[in-house]
PDB file of all heavy atoms in Angstrom:
ATOM      1  N   PHE A   1     236.063 155.029 215.981  1.00  0.00           N
ATOM      2  CA  PHE A   1     235.295 153.789 215.798  1.00  0.00           C
ATOM      3  C   PHE A   1     235.993 152.576 216.403  1.00  0.00           C
ATOM      4  O   PHE A   1     235.359 151.778 217.100  1.00  0.00           O
ATOM      5  CB  PHE A   1     235.007 153.568 214.314  1.00  0.00           C
ATOM      6  CG  PHE A   1     233.856 154.380 213.792  1.00  0.00           C
ATOM      7  CD1 PHE A   1     233.549 154.393 212.448  1.00  0.00           C
ATOM      8  CD2 PHE A   1     233.064 155.145 214.665  1.00  0.00           C
ATOM      9  CE1 PHE A   1     232.486 155.131 211.964  1.00  0.00           C
ATOM     10  CE2 PHE A   1     232.008 155.897 214.190  1.00  0.00           C
ATOM     11  CZ  PHE A   1     231.710 155.897 212.834  1.00  0.00           C
ATOM     12  N   PRO A   2     237.304 152.389 216.159  1.00  0.00           N
ATOM     13  CA  PRO A   2     237.956 151.245 216.799  1.00  0.00           C
ATOM     14  C   PRO A   2     237.941 151.323 218.328  1.00  0.00           C
ATOM     15  O   PRO A   2     237.848 150.307 219.002  1.00  0.00           O
ATOM     16  CB  PRO A   2     239.394 151.306 216.266  1.00  0.00           C
ATOM     17  CG  PRO A   2     239.279 152.057 214.978  1.00  0.00           C
ATOM     18  CD  PRO A   2     238.197 153.062 215.205  1.00  0.00           C
ATOM     19  N   VAL A   3     238.026 152.555 218.864  1.00  0.00           N
ATOM     20  CA  VAL A   3     237.974 152.731 220.322  1.00  0.00           C
ATOM     21  C   VAL A   3     236.609 152.313 220.837  1.00  0.00           C
ATOM     22  O   VAL A   3     236.501 151.608 221.862  1.00  0.00           O
ATOM     23  CB  VAL A   3     238.276 154.190 220.688  1.00  0.00           C
ATOM     24  CG1 VAL A   3     238.073 154.406 222.192  1.00  0.00           C
ATOM     25  CG2 VAL A   3     239.702 154.565 220.292  1.00  0.00           C
ATOM     26  N   PHE A   4     235.545 152.742 220.141  1.00  0.00           N
ATOM     27  CA  PHE A   4     234.187 152.354 220.548  1.00  0.00           C
ATOM     28  C   PHE A   4     234.000 150.850 220.454  1.00  0.00           C
ATOM     29  O   PHE A   4     233.378 150.228 221.328  1.00  0.00           O
ATOM     30  CB  PHE A   4     233.160 153.065 219.676  1.00  0.00           C
ATOM     31  CG  PHE A   4     233.103 154.556 219.864  1.00  0.00           C
ATOM     32  CD1 PHE A   4     232.718 155.384 218.822  1.00  0.00           C
ATOM     33  CD2 PHE A   4     233.435 155.131 221.074  1.00  0.00           C
ATOM     34  CE1 PHE A   4     232.667 156.754 218.986  1.00  0.00           C
ATOM     35  CE2 PHE A   4     233.380 156.509 221.260  1.00  0.00           C
ATOM     36  CZ  PHE A   4     233.001 157.321 220.219  1.00  0.00           C
ATOM     37  N   ALA A   5     234.565 150.247 219.396  1.00  0.00           N
ATOM     38  CA  ALA A   5     234.448 148.798 219.218  1.00  0.00           C
ATOM     39  C   ALA A   5     235.158 148.052 220.351  1.00  0.00           C
ATOM     40  O   ALA A   5     234.652 147.061 220.873  1.00  0.00           O
ATOM     41  CB  ALA A   5     235.023 148.390 217.870  1.00  0.00           C
ATOM     42  N   GLN A   6     236.332 148.542 220.742  1.00  0.00           N
ATOM     43  CA  GLN A   6     237.065 147.919 221.832  1.00  0.00           C
ATOM     44  C   GLN A   6     236.318 148.050 223.141  1.00  0.00           C
ATOM     45  O   GLN A   6     236.289 147.126 223.966  1.00  0.00           O
ATOM     46  CB  GLN A   6     238.459 148.534 221.945  1.00  0.00           C
ATOM     47  CG  GLN A   6     239.382 148.177 220.783  1.00  0.00           C
ATOM     48  CD  GLN A   6     240.730 148.844 220.902  1.00  0.00           C
ATOM     49  OE1 GLN A   6     241.061 149.459 221.929  1.00  0.00           O
ATOM     50  NE2 GLN A   6     241.530 148.755 219.844  1.00  0.00           N
ATOM     51  N   ALA A   7     235.703 149.223 223.357  1.00  0.00           N
ATOM     52  CA  ALA A   7     234.933 149.422 224.576  1.00  0.00           C
ATOM     53  C   ALA A   7     233.733 148.489 224.621  1.00  0.00           C
ATOM     54  O   ALA A   7     233.411 147.922 225.671  1.00  0.00           O
ATOM     55  CB  ALA A   7     234.477 150.892 224.664  1.00  0.00           C
ATOM     56  N   ARG A   8     233.073 148.312 223.484  1.00  0.00           N
ATOM     57  CA  ARG A   8     231.919 147.394 223.429  1.00  0.00           C
ATOM     58  C   ARG A   8     232.361 145.975 223.684  1.00  0.00           C
ATOM     59  O   ARG A   8     231.706 145.224 224.404  1.00  0.00           O
ATOM     60  CB  ARG A   8     231.224 147.523 222.090  1.00  0.00           C
ATOM     61  CG  ARG A   8     229.970 146.643 221.962  1.00  0.00           C
ATOM     62  CD  ARG A   8     229.168 146.945 220.723  1.00  0.00           C
ATOM     63  NE  ARG A   8     229.940 146.762 219.501  1.00  0.00           N
ATOM     64  CZ  ARG A   8     229.448 146.974 218.277  1.00  0.00           C
ATOM     65  NH1 ARG A   8     228.205 147.397 218.126  1.00  0.00           N
ATOM     66  NH2 ARG A   8     230.198 146.773 217.219  1.00  0.00           N
ATOM     67  N   GLU A   9     233.494 145.583 223.073  1.00  0.00           N
ATOM     68  CA  GLU A   9     233.993 144.218 223.267  1.00  0.00           C
ATOM     69  C   GLU A   9     234.423 144.003 224.709  1.00  0.00           C
ATOM     70  O   GLU A   9     234.268 142.902 225.265  1.00  0.00           O
ATOM     71  CB  GLU A   9     235.149 143.942 222.325  1.00  0.00           C
ATOM     72  CG  GLU A   9     235.652 142.507 222.359  1.00  0.00           C
ATOM     73  CD  GLU A   9     234.534 141.502 222.153  1.00  0.00           C
ATOM     74  OE1 GLU A   9     233.723 141.668 221.201  1.00  0.00           O
ATOM     75  OE2 GLU A   9     234.442 140.550 222.947  1.00  0.00           O
ATOM     76  N   LYS A  10     234.971 145.037 225.350  1.00  0.00           N
ATOM     77  CA  LYS A  10     235.333 144.916 226.745  1.00  0.00           C
ATOM     78  C   LYS A  10     234.105 144.660 227.609  1.00  0.00           C
ATOM     79  O   LYS A  10     234.136 143.862 228.550  1.00  0.00           O
ATOM     80  CB  LYS A  10     236.051 146.196 227.208  1.00  0.00           C
ATOM     81  CG  LYS A  10     236.593 146.109 228.627  1.00  0.00           C
ATOM     82  CD  LYS A  10     237.681 145.044 228.744  1.00  0.00           C
ATOM     83  CE  LYS A  10     238.261 144.987 230.138  1.00  0.00           C
ATOM     84  NZ  LYS A  10     239.290 143.922 230.283  1.00  0.00           N
ATOM     85  N   ALA A  11     233.014 145.349 227.295  1.00  0.00           N
ATOM     86  CA  ALA A  11     231.764 145.130 228.028  1.00  0.00           C
ATOM     87  C   ALA A  11     231.267 143.702 227.828  1.00  0.00           C
ATOM     88  O   ALA A  11     230.806 143.050 228.784  1.00  0.00           O
ATOM     89  CB  ALA A  11     230.710 146.132 227.565  1.00  0.00           C
ATOM     90  N   ARG A  12     231.397 143.177 226.612  1.00  0.00           N
ATOM     91  CA  ARG A  12     230.991 141.796 226.352  1.00  0.00           C
ATOM     92  C   ARG A  12     231.888 140.820 227.112  1.00  0.00           C
ATOM     93  O   ARG A  12     231.422 139.807 227.635  1.00  0.00           O
ATOM     94  CB  ARG A  12     231.068 141.509 224.846  1.00  0.00           C
ATOM     95  CG  ARG A  12     230.018 142.244 224.034  1.00  0.00           C
ATOM     96  CD  ARG A  12     230.245 142.050 222.548  1.00  0.00           C
ATOM     97  NE  ARG A  12     229.176 142.636 221.745  1.00  0.00           N
ATOM     98  CZ  ARG A  12     229.184 142.721 220.428  1.00  0.00           C
ATOM     99  NH1 ARG A  12     230.235 142.264 219.749  1.00  0.00           N
ATOM    100  NH2 ARG A  12     228.172 143.247 219.769  1.00  0.00           N
ATOM    101  N   GLN A  13     233.180 141.134 227.172  1.00  0.00           N
ATOM    102  CA  GLN A  13     234.093 140.279 227.897  1.00  0.00           C
ATOM    103  C   GLN A  13     233.728 140.232 229.378  1.00  0.00           C
ATOM    104  O   GLN A  13     233.766 139.165 229.998  1.00  0.00           O
ATOM    105  CB  GLN A  13     235.533 140.783 227.738  1.00  0.00           C
ATOM    106  CG  GLN A  13     236.564 139.934 228.468  1.00  0.00           C
ATOM    107  CD  GLN A  13     237.963 140.501 228.330  1.00  0.00           C
ATOM    108  OE1 GLN A  13     238.139 141.644 227.928  1.00  0.00           O
ATOM    109  NE2 GLN A  13     238.956 139.701 228.679  1.00  0.00           N
ATOM    110  N   ILE A  14     233.369 141.373 229.934  1.00  0.00           N
ATOM    111  CA  ILE A  14     232.976 141.420 231.355  1.00  0.00           C
ATOM    112  C   ILE A  14     231.722 140.584 231.581  1.00  0.00           C
ATOM    113  O   ILE A  14     231.615 139.862 232.584  1.00  0.00           O
ATOM    114  CB  ILE A  14     232.757 142.877 231.785  1.00  0.00           C
ATOM    115  CG1 ILE A  14     234.089 143.640 231.797  1.00  0.00           C
ATOM    116  CG2 ILE A  14     232.102 142.951 233.164  1.00  0.00           C
ATOM    117  CD1 ILE A  14     233.957 145.126 232.013  1.00  0.00           C
ATOM    118  N   THR A  15     230.787 140.656 230.640  1.00  0.00           N
ATOM    119  CA  THR A  15     229.581 139.819 230.747  1.00  0.00           C
ATOM    120  C   THR A  15     229.955 138.336 230.722  1.00  0.00           C
ATOM    121  O   THR A  15     229.416 137.530 231.484  1.00  0.00           O
ATOM    122  CB  THR A  15     228.615 140.116 229.590  1.00  0.00           C
ATOM    123  OG1 THR A  15     228.201 141.490 229.674  1.00  0.00           O
ATOM    124  CG2 THR A  15     227.389 139.214 229.642  1.00  0.00           C
ATOM    125  N   CYS A  16     230.901 137.994 229.850  1.00  0.00           N
ATOM    126  CA  CYS A  16     231.345 136.609 229.736  1.00  0.00           C
ATOM    127  C   CYS A  16     232.050 136.151 231.011  1.00  0.00           C
ATOM    128  O   CYS A  16     231.871 135.008 231.454  1.00  0.00           O
ATOM    129  CB  CYS A  16     232.273 136.476 228.528  1.00  0.00           C
ATOM    130  SG  CYS A  16     232.609 134.776 228.048  1.00  0.00           S
ATOM    131  N   VAL A  17     232.840 137.018 231.607  1.00  0.00           N
ATOM    132  CA  VAL A  17     233.489 136.696 232.892  1.00  0.00           C
ATOM    133  C   VAL A  17     232.428 136.413 233.946  1.00  0.00           C
ATOM    134  O   VAL A  17     232.532 135.453 234.726  1.00  0.00           O
ATOM    135  CB  VAL A  17     234.394 137.850 233.358  1.00  0.00           C
ATOM    136  CG1 VAL A  17     234.809 137.678 234.814  1.00  0.00           C
ATOM    137  CG2 VAL A  17     235.630 137.958 232.467  1.00  0.00           C
ATOM    138  N   SER A  18     231.384 137.245 233.964  1.00  0.00           N
ATOM    139  CA  SER A  18     230.275 137.037 234.919  1.00  0.00           C
ATOM    140  C   SER A  18     229.600 135.698 234.676  1.00  0.00           C
ATOM    141  O   SER A  18     229.241 134.983 235.633  1.00  0.00           O
ATOM    142  CB  SER A  18     229.272 138.180 234.804  1.00  0.00           C
ATOM    143  OG  SER A  18     228.150 137.960 235.653  1.00  0.00           O
ATOM    144  N   ASN A  19     229.391 135.351 233.403  1.00  0.00           N
ATOM    145  CA  ASN A  19     228.801 134.053 233.074  1.00  0.00           C
ATOM    146  C   ASN A  19     229.593 132.902 233.702  1.00  0.00           C
ATOM    147  O   ASN A  19     229.038 132.028 234.365  1.00  0.00           O
ATOM    148  CB  ASN A  19     228.753 133.849 231.550  1.00  0.00           C
ATOM    149  CG  ASN A  19     227.728 134.729 230.862  1.00  0.00           C
ATOM    150  OD1 ASN A  19     226.896 135.356 231.500  1.00  0.00           O
ATOM    151  ND2 ASN A  19     227.806 134.778 229.554  1.00  0.00           N
ATOM    152  N   GLU A  20     230.906 132.925 233.441  1.00  0.00           N
ATOM    153  CA  GLU A  20     231.734 131.819 233.941  1.00  0.00           C
ATOM    154  C   GLU A  20     231.830 131.821 235.462  1.00  0.00           C
ATOM    155  O   GLU A  20     231.932 130.764 236.094  1.00  0.00           O
ATOM    156  CB  GLU A  20     233.122 131.904 233.299  1.00  0.00           C
ATOM    157  CG  GLU A  20     233.098 131.606 231.809  1.00  0.00           C
ATOM    158  CD  GLU A  20     234.490 131.428 231.232  1.00  0.00           C
ATOM    159  OE1 GLU A  20     235.468 131.338 232.012  1.00  0.00           O
ATOM    160  OE2 GLU A  20     234.623 131.365 229.996  1.00  0.00           O
ATOM    161  N   LYS A  21     231.800 133.009 236.051  1.00  0.00           N
ATOM    162  CA  LYS A  21     231.844 133.075 237.511  1.00  0.00           C
ATOM    163  C   LYS A  21     230.608 132.397 238.098  1.00  0.00           C
ATOM    164  O   LYS A  21     230.713 131.649 239.096  1.00  0.00           O
ATOM    165  CB  LYS A  21     231.925 134.541 237.961  1.00  0.00           C
ATOM    166  CG  LYS A  21     232.059 134.705 239.466  1.00  0.00           C
ATOM    167  CD  LYS A  21     233.375 134.143 239.977  1.00  0.00           C
ATOM    168  CE  LYS A  21     233.553 134.379 241.452  1.00  0.00           C
ATOM    169  NZ  LYS A  21     234.809 133.756 241.984  1.00  0.00           N
ATOM    170  N   GLN A  22     229.453 132.634 237.509  1.00  0.00           N
ATOM    171  CA  GLN A  22     228.231 131.991 237.983  1.00  0.00           C
ATOM    172  C   GLN A  22     228.266 130.477 237.762  1.00  0.00           C
ATOM    173  O   GLN A  22     227.801 129.703 238.601  1.00  0.00           O
ATOM    174  CB  GLN A  22     227.014 132.609 237.299  1.00  0.00           C
ATOM    175  CG  GLN A  22     226.765 134.050 237.698  1.00  0.00           C
ATOM    176  CD  GLN A  22     225.534 134.629 237.030  1.00  0.00           C
ATOM    177  OE1 GLN A  22     224.401 134.220 237.309  1.00  0.00           O
ATOM    178  NE2 GLN A  22     225.726 135.577 236.127  1.00  0.00           N
ATOM    179  N   MET A  23     228.851 130.058 236.619  1.00  0.00           N
ATOM    180  CA  MET A  23     229.021 128.612 236.411  1.00  0.00           C
ATOM    181  C   MET A  23     229.903 128.018 237.500  1.00  0.00           C
ATOM    182  O   MET A  23     229.627 126.921 238.005  1.00  0.00           O
ATOM    183  CB  MET A  23     229.660 128.366 235.051  1.00  0.00           C
ATOM    184  CG  MET A  23     228.814 128.685 233.845  1.00  0.00           C
ATOM    185  SD  MET A  23     229.757 128.377 232.316  1.00  0.00           S
ATOM    186  CE  MET A  23     228.896 129.482 231.186  1.00  0.00           C
ATOM    187  N   GLY A  24     230.978 128.734 237.839  1.00  0.00           N
ATOM    188  CA  GLY A  24     231.894 128.238 238.857  1.00  0.00           C
ATOM    189  C   GLY A  24     231.226 128.112 240.218  1.00  0.00           C
ATOM    190  O   GLY A  24     231.417 127.110 240.930  1.00  0.00           O
ATOM    191  N   LEU A  25     230.443 129.102 240.602  1.00  0.00           N
ATOM    192  CA  LEU A  25     229.726 129.051 241.875  1.00  0.00           C
ATOM    193  C   LEU A  25     228.740 127.881 241.892  1.00  0.00           C
ATOM    194  O   LEU A  25     228.617 127.166 242.893  1.00  0.00           O
ATOM    195  CB  LEU A  25     228.995 130.374 242.123  1.00  0.00           C
ATOM    196  CG  LEU A  25     229.888 131.594 242.390  1.00  0.00           C
ATOM    197  CD1 LEU A  25     229.044 132.863 242.413  1.00  0.00           C
ATOM    198  CD2 LEU A  25     230.655 131.434 243.698  1.00  0.00           C
ATOM    199  N   ALA A  26     228.032 127.696 240.775  1.00  0.00           N
ATOM    200  CA  ALA A  26     227.069 126.583 240.680  1.00  0.00           C
ATOM    201  C   ALA A  26     227.788 125.257 240.757  1.00  0.00           C
ATOM    202  O   ALA A  26     227.306 124.318 241.430  1.00  0.00           O
ATOM    203  CB  ALA A  26     226.271 126.702 239.386  1.00  0.00           C
ATOM    204  N   MET A  27     228.932 125.136 240.072  1.00  0.00           N
ATOM    205  CA  MET A  27     229.675 123.883 240.098  1.00  0.00           C
ATOM    206  C   MET A  27     230.155 123.582 241.524  1.00  0.00           C
ATOM    207  O   MET A  27     230.084 122.423 241.975  1.00  0.00           O
ATOM    208  CB  MET A  27     230.857 123.942 239.145  1.00  0.00           C
ATOM    209  CG  MET A  27     231.635 122.653 239.029  1.00  0.00           C
ATOM    210  SD  MET A  27     230.702 121.307 238.270  1.00  0.00           S
ATOM    211  CE  MET A  27     230.845 121.744 236.529  1.00  0.00           C
ATOM    212  N   MET A  28     230.636 124.608 242.218  1.00  0.00           N
ATOM    213  CA  MET A  28     231.109 124.382 243.583  1.00  0.00           C
ATOM    214  C   MET A  28     229.972 123.909 244.505  1.00  0.00           C
ATOM    215  O   MET A  28     230.163 123.029 245.358  1.00  0.00           O
ATOM    216  CB  MET A  28     231.721 125.681 244.146  1.00  0.00           C
ATOM    217  CG  MET A  28     232.974 126.116 243.420  1.00  0.00           C
ATOM    218  SD  MET A  28     234.272 124.841 243.444  1.00  0.00           S
ATOM    219  CE  MET A  28     235.474 125.571 242.362  1.00  0.00           C
ATOM    220  N   GLN A  29     228.787 124.482 244.318  1.00  0.00           N
ATOM    221  CA  GLN A  29     227.646 124.065 245.127  1.00  0.00           C
ATOM    222  C   GLN A  29     227.240 122.619 244.796  1.00  0.00           C
ATOM    223  O   GLN A  29     226.937 121.834 245.685  1.00  0.00           O
ATOM    224  CB  GLN A  29     226.456 124.995 244.886  1.00  0.00           C
ATOM    225  CG  GLN A  29     226.697 126.398 245.413  1.00  0.00           C
ATOM    226  CD  GLN A  29     225.526 127.319 245.121  1.00  0.00           C
ATOM    227  OE1 GLN A  29     224.436 127.157 245.643  1.00  0.00           O
ATOM    228  NE2 GLN A  29     225.747 128.298 244.242  1.00  0.00           N
ATOM    229  N   TYR A  30     227.264 122.293 243.490  1.00  0.00           N
ATOM    230  CA  TYR A  30     226.964 120.916 243.084  1.00  0.00           C
ATOM    231  C   TYR A  30     227.952 119.956 243.721  1.00  0.00           C
ATOM    232  O   TYR A  30     227.557 118.895 244.255  1.00  0.00           O
ATOM    233  CB  TYR A  30     226.990 120.793 241.567  1.00  0.00           C
ATOM    234  CG  TYR A  30     226.797 119.375 241.065  1.00  0.00           C
ATOM    235  CD1 TYR A  30     225.539 118.909 240.729  1.00  0.00           C
ATOM    236  CD2 TYR A  30     227.886 118.500 240.963  1.00  0.00           C
ATOM    237  CE1 TYR A  30     225.341 117.600 240.293  1.00  0.00           C
ATOM    238  CE2 TYR A  30     227.704 117.189 240.529  1.00  0.00           C
ATOM    239  CZ  TYR A  30     226.439 116.749 240.200  1.00  0.00           C
ATOM    240  OH  TYR A  30     226.265 115.450 239.799  1.00  0.00           O
ATOM    241  N   ILE A  31     229.229 120.282 243.650  1.00  0.00           N
ATOM    242  CA  ILE A  31     230.270 119.411 244.192  1.00  0.00           C
ATOM    243  C   ILE A  31     230.082 119.203 245.698  1.00  0.00           C
ATOM    244  O   ILE A  31     230.218 118.085 246.210  1.00  0.00           O
ATOM    245  CB  ILE A  31     231.667 119.981 243.870  1.00  0.00           C
ATOM    246  CG1 ILE A  31     231.958 119.859 242.369  1.00  0.00           C
ATOM    247  CG2 ILE A  31     232.748 119.298 244.689  1.00  0.00           C
ATOM    248  CD1 ILE A  31     233.194 120.582 241.908  1.00  0.00           C
ATOM    249  N   GLN A  32     229.758 120.273 246.420  1.00  0.00           N
ATOM    250  CA  GLN A  32     229.542 120.162 247.859  1.00  0.00           C
ATOM    251  C   GLN A  32     228.368 119.245 248.182  1.00  0.00           C
ATOM    252  O   GLN A  32     228.386 118.527 249.194  1.00  0.00           O
ATOM    253  CB  GLN A  32     229.303 121.550 248.458  1.00  0.00           C
ATOM    254  CG  GLN A  32     230.543 122.432 248.465  1.00  0.00           C
ATOM    255  CD  GLN A  32     230.262 123.832 248.965  1.00  0.00           C
ATOM    256  OE1 GLN A  32     229.128 124.169 249.337  1.00  0.00           O
ATOM    257  NE2 GLN A  32     231.276 124.675 248.957  1.00  0.00           N
ATOM    258  N   ASP A  33     227.360 119.258 247.329  1.00  0.00           N
ATOM    259  CA  ASP A  33     226.161 118.445 247.576  1.00  0.00           C
ATOM    260  C   ASP A  33     226.310 117.001 247.067  1.00  0.00           C
ATOM    261  O   ASP A  33     225.409 116.199 247.282  1.00  0.00           O
ATOM    262  CB  ASP A  33     224.938 119.086 246.894  1.00  0.00           C
ATOM    263  CG  ASP A  33     224.511 120.365 247.584  1.00  0.00           C
ATOM    264  OD1 ASP A  33     224.933 120.596 248.736  1.00  0.00           O
ATOM    265  OD2 ASP A  33     223.755 121.147 246.960  1.00  0.00           O
ATOM    266  N   ASN A  34     227.420 116.705 246.398  1.00  0.00           N
ATOM    267  CA  ASN A  34     227.571 115.374 245.769  1.00  0.00           C
ATOM    268  C   ASN A  34     228.920 114.747 246.123  1.00  0.00           C
ATOM    269  O   ASN A  34     229.641 114.245 245.235  1.00  0.00           O
ATOM    270  CB  ASN A  34     227.392 115.474 244.258  1.00  0.00           C
ATOM    271  CG  ASN A  34     225.953 115.773 243.843  1.00  0.00           C
ATOM    272  OD1 ASN A  34     225.145 114.866 243.687  1.00  0.00           O
ATOM    273  ND2 ASN A  34     225.641 117.060 243.697  1.00  0.00           N
ATOM    274  N   ASP A  35     229.238 114.754 247.398  1.00  0.00           N
ATOM    275  CA  ASP A  35     230.421 114.054 247.908  1.00  0.00           C
ATOM    276  C   ASP A  35     231.699 114.452 247.186  1.00  0.00           C
ATOM    277  O   ASP A  35     232.557 113.593 246.886  1.00  0.00           O
ATOM    278  CB  ASP A  35     230.226 112.538 247.812  1.00  0.00           C
ATOM    279  CG  ASP A  35     229.054 112.039 248.629  1.00  0.00           C
ATOM    280  OD1 ASP A  35     228.826 112.581 249.737  1.00  0.00           O
ATOM    281  OD2 ASP A  35     228.335 111.135 248.170  1.00  0.00           O
TER     282      ASP A  35
END
């Protein structure tokens, strides 16, 4: 059970990394368009 819980949390962490990566790409595009 703890192994399954860790695996599930790892999947959530990867989703969260993807979230922030998309925020970063959006921020970079905003910055390029706004001097």
